[in-house]
Amino acid sequence: MAKFVVEFEYNVDRAGRQGLHPAHAENLYRLADNGVLLLGGPLVGENSGLLVYEVESRAELDLILAEEPYVKGGVVARTRIKEWAPGKGSWITEGAH
């Protein structure tokens, strides 16, 4: 499984996203319940959000992002995607050393 860090930069402020927020939140909760979304939330002081996904491939991530309500609704101005290989930190399990 691959992990990806995704940053959404928005072209509207928080108030401009409110109409899409319930669908966005429902989508993220579903992905989290399925083990796909590991973390997600707004970047403090920025007009953007950061999400960490765990999927089989970049192609799978692309399909997930294409269905994201904020993307479909046109409020994402820019998406930055980086594959991430975390190896250290308190969130890493003991057996991963």
C-alpha atoms as a PDB file:
ATOM      1  CA  MET A   1       0.000   0.000   0.000  1.00  0.00           C
ATOM      2  CA  ALA A   2       1.191   3.503  -0.807  1.00  0.00           C
ATOM      3  CA  LYS A   3       0.628   6.646   1.229  1.00  0.00           C
ATOM      4  CA  PHE A   4       0.009   9.999  -0.424  1.00  0.00           C
ATOM      5  CA  VAL A   5      -0.108  13.486   1.033  1.00  0.00           C
ATOM      6  CA  VAL A   6      -2.606  15.678  -0.812  1.00  0.00           C
ATOM      7  CA  GLU A   7      -2.981  19.421  -0.441  1.00  0.00           C
ATOM      8  CA  PHE A   8      -6.078  21.155  -1.778  1.00  0.00           C
ATOM      9  CA  GLU A   9      -5.701  24.895  -2.306  1.00  0.00           C
ATOM     10  CA  TYR A  10      -9.126  26.506  -2.574  1.00  0.00           C
ATOM     11  CA  ASN A  11     -10.297  29.292  -4.874  1.00  0.00           C
ATOM     12  CA  VAL A  12     -13.043  30.384  -2.452  1.00  0.00           C
ATOM     13  CA  ASP A  13     -12.996  31.047   1.283  1.00  0.00           C
ATOM     14  CA  ARG A  14     -14.558  28.758   3.891  1.00  0.00           C
ATOM     15  CA  ALA A  15     -17.944  30.442   3.512  1.00  0.00           C
ATOM     16  CA  GLY A  16     -17.780  29.792  -0.238  1.00  0.00           C
ATOM     17  CA  ARG A  17     -17.304  26.071   0.426  1.00  0.00           C
ATOM     18  CA  GLN A  18     -20.170  25.719   2.915  1.00  0.00           C
ATOM     19  CA  GLY A  19     -22.674  24.480   0.339  1.00  0.00           C
ATOM     20  CA  LEU A  20     -20.384  21.576  -0.543  1.00  0.00           C
ATOM     21  CA  HIS A  21     -19.089  20.925   2.962  1.00  0.00           C
ATOM     22  CA  PRO A  22     -21.681  18.318   4.056  1.00  0.00           C
ATOM     23  CA  ALA A  23     -20.947  16.140   0.991  1.00  0.00           C
ATOM     24  CA  HIS A  24     -17.196  16.704   1.442  1.00  0.00           C
ATOM     25  CA  ALA A  25     -17.331  15.681   5.131  1.00  0.00           C
ATOM     26  CA  GLU A  26     -19.511  12.636   4.397  1.00  0.00           C
ATOM     27  CA  ASN A  27     -17.053  11.533   1.706  1.00  0.00           C
ATOM     28  CA  LEU A  28     -14.076  11.904   4.064  1.00  0.00           C
ATOM     29  CA  TYR A  29     -15.828  10.000   6.872  1.00  0.00           C
ATOM     30  CA  ARG A  30     -16.624   7.166   4.440  1.00  0.00           C
ATOM     31  CA  LEU A  31     -13.015   7.035   3.235  1.00  0.00           C
ATOM     32  CA  ALA A  32     -11.756   7.059   6.836  1.00  0.00           C
ATOM     33  CA  ASP A  33     -14.163   4.260   7.798  1.00  0.00           C
ATOM     34  CA  ASN A  34     -12.781   2.235   4.869  1.00  0.00           C
ATOM     35  CA  GLY A  35      -9.167   2.814   5.968  1.00  0.00           C
ATOM     36  CA  VAL A  36      -8.333   4.933   2.905  1.00  0.00           C
ATOM     37  CA  LEU A  37      -8.145   8.363   4.552  1.00  0.00           C
ATOM     38  CA  LEU A  38      -5.646   8.327   7.408  1.00  0.00           C
ATOM     39  CA  LEU A  39      -5.789  12.029   8.343  1.00  0.00           C
ATOM     40  CA  GLY A  40      -7.369  15.167   6.993  1.00  0.00           C
ATOM     41  CA  GLY A  41      -8.070  18.738   7.940  1.00  0.00           C
ATOM     42  CA  PRO A  42      -7.542  22.413   7.184  1.00  0.00           C
ATOM     43  CA  LEU A  43      -4.116  24.032   7.316  1.00  0.00           C
ATOM     44  CA  VAL A  44      -4.301  26.731   9.988  1.00  0.00           C
ATOM     45  CA  GLY A  45      -3.985  30.238   8.549  1.00  0.00           C
ATOM     46  CA  GLU A  46      -4.181  28.950   4.965  1.00  0.00           C
ATOM     47  CA  ASN A  47      -6.980  28.606   2.440  1.00  0.00           C
ATOM     48  CA  SER A  48      -6.151  24.936   1.967  1.00  0.00           C
ATOM     49  CA  GLY A  49      -6.494  21.474   3.445  1.00  0.00           C
ATOM     50  CA  LEU A  50      -4.120  18.555   3.886  1.00  0.00           C
ATOM     51  CA  LEU A  51      -5.116  14.906   3.586  1.00  0.00           C
ATOM     52  CA  VAL A  52      -3.172  11.644   3.903  1.00  0.00           C
ATOM     53  CA  TYR A  53      -4.456   8.645   1.957  1.00  0.00           C
ATOM     54  CA  GLU A  54      -3.377   4.996   1.895  1.00  0.00           C
ATOM     55  CA  VAL A  55      -4.243   3.268  -1.383  1.00  0.00           C
ATOM     56  CA  GLU A  56      -2.942   0.574  -3.723  1.00  0.00           C
ATOM     57  CA  SER A  57      -1.708   3.019  -6.369  1.00  0.00           C
ATOM     58  CA  ARG A  58      -1.633   6.582  -7.654  1.00  0.00           C
ATOM     59  CA  ALA A  59      -4.297   5.555 -10.179  1.00  0.00           C
ATOM     60  CA  GLU A  60      -6.627   4.583  -7.316  1.00  0.00           C
ATOM     61  CA  LEU A  61      -5.944   7.901  -5.586  1.00  0.00           C
ATOM     62  CA  ASP A  62      -6.723   9.788  -8.801  1.00  0.00           C
ATOM     63  CA  LEU A  63     -10.128   8.056  -8.986  1.00  0.00           C
ATOM     64  CA  ILE A  64     -10.857   8.952  -5.354  1.00  0.00           C
ATOM     65  CA  LEU A  65      -9.877  12.587  -5.862  1.00  0.00           C
ATOM     66  CA  ALA A  66     -11.979  12.849  -9.028  1.00  0.00           C
ATOM     67  CA  GLU A  67     -15.033  11.978  -6.890  1.00  0.00           C
ATOM     68  CA  GLU A  68     -14.184  14.467  -4.107  1.00  0.00           C
ATOM     69  CA  PRO A  69     -17.145  16.904  -3.788  1.00  0.00           C
ATOM     70  CA  TYR A  70     -14.851  19.953  -3.507  1.00  0.00           C
ATOM     71  CA  VAL A  71     -13.087  18.924  -6.721  1.00  0.00           C
ATOM     72  CA  LYS A  72     -16.342  18.147  -8.541  1.00  0.00           C
ATOM     73  CA  GLY A  73     -17.799  21.424  -7.256  1.00  0.00           C
ATOM     74  CA  GLY A  74     -14.933  23.477  -8.706  1.00  0.00           C
ATOM     75  CA  VAL A  75     -13.662  25.005  -5.443  1.00  0.00           C
ATOM     76  CA  VAL A  76     -10.195  23.434  -5.617  1.00  0.00           C
ATOM     77  CA  ALA A  77      -7.811  25.758  -7.457  1.00  0.00           C
ATOM     78  CA  ARG A  78      -4.746  23.551  -7.109  1.00  0.00           C
ATOM     79  CA  THR A  79      -3.970  20.030  -5.942  1.00  0.00           C
ATOM     80  CA  ARG A  80      -0.483  18.999  -4.831  1.00  0.00           C
ATOM     81  CA  ILE A  81       0.150  15.267  -4.484  1.00  0.00           C
ATOM     82  CA  LYS A  82       3.267  13.646  -3.061  1.00  0.00           C
ATOM     83  CA  GLU A  83       3.868   9.987  -2.345  1.00  0.00           C
ATOM     84  CA  TRP A  84       5.078   9.647   1.244  1.00  0.00           C
ATOM     85  CA  ALA A  85       7.035   6.886   2.962  1.00  0.00           C
ATOM     86  CA  PRO A  86       6.862   7.619   6.708  1.00  0.00           C
ATOM     87  CA  GLY A  87       9.367   5.648   8.716  1.00  0.00           C
ATOM     88  CA  LYS A  88       9.877   7.403  12.015  1.00  0.00           C
ATOM     89  CA  GLY A  89       7.689   8.886  14.696  1.00  0.00           C
ATOM     90  CA  SER A  90       5.301   7.968  17.455  1.00  0.00           C
ATOM     91  CA  TRP A  91       2.649   6.868  14.946  1.00  0.00           C
ATOM     92  CA  ILE A  92       4.919   4.171  13.532  1.00  0.00           C
ATOM     93  CA  THR A  93       4.279   0.765  15.129  1.00  0.00           C
ATOM     94  CA  GLU A  94       7.000  -0.973  17.134  1.00  0.00           C
ATOM     95  CA  GLY A  95       7.398  -3.778  14.567  1.00  0.00           C
ATOM     96  CA  ALA A  96       8.208  -1.335  11.769  1.00  0.00           C
ATOM     97  CA  HIS A  97      11.771  -0.671  12.996  1.00  0.00           C
END
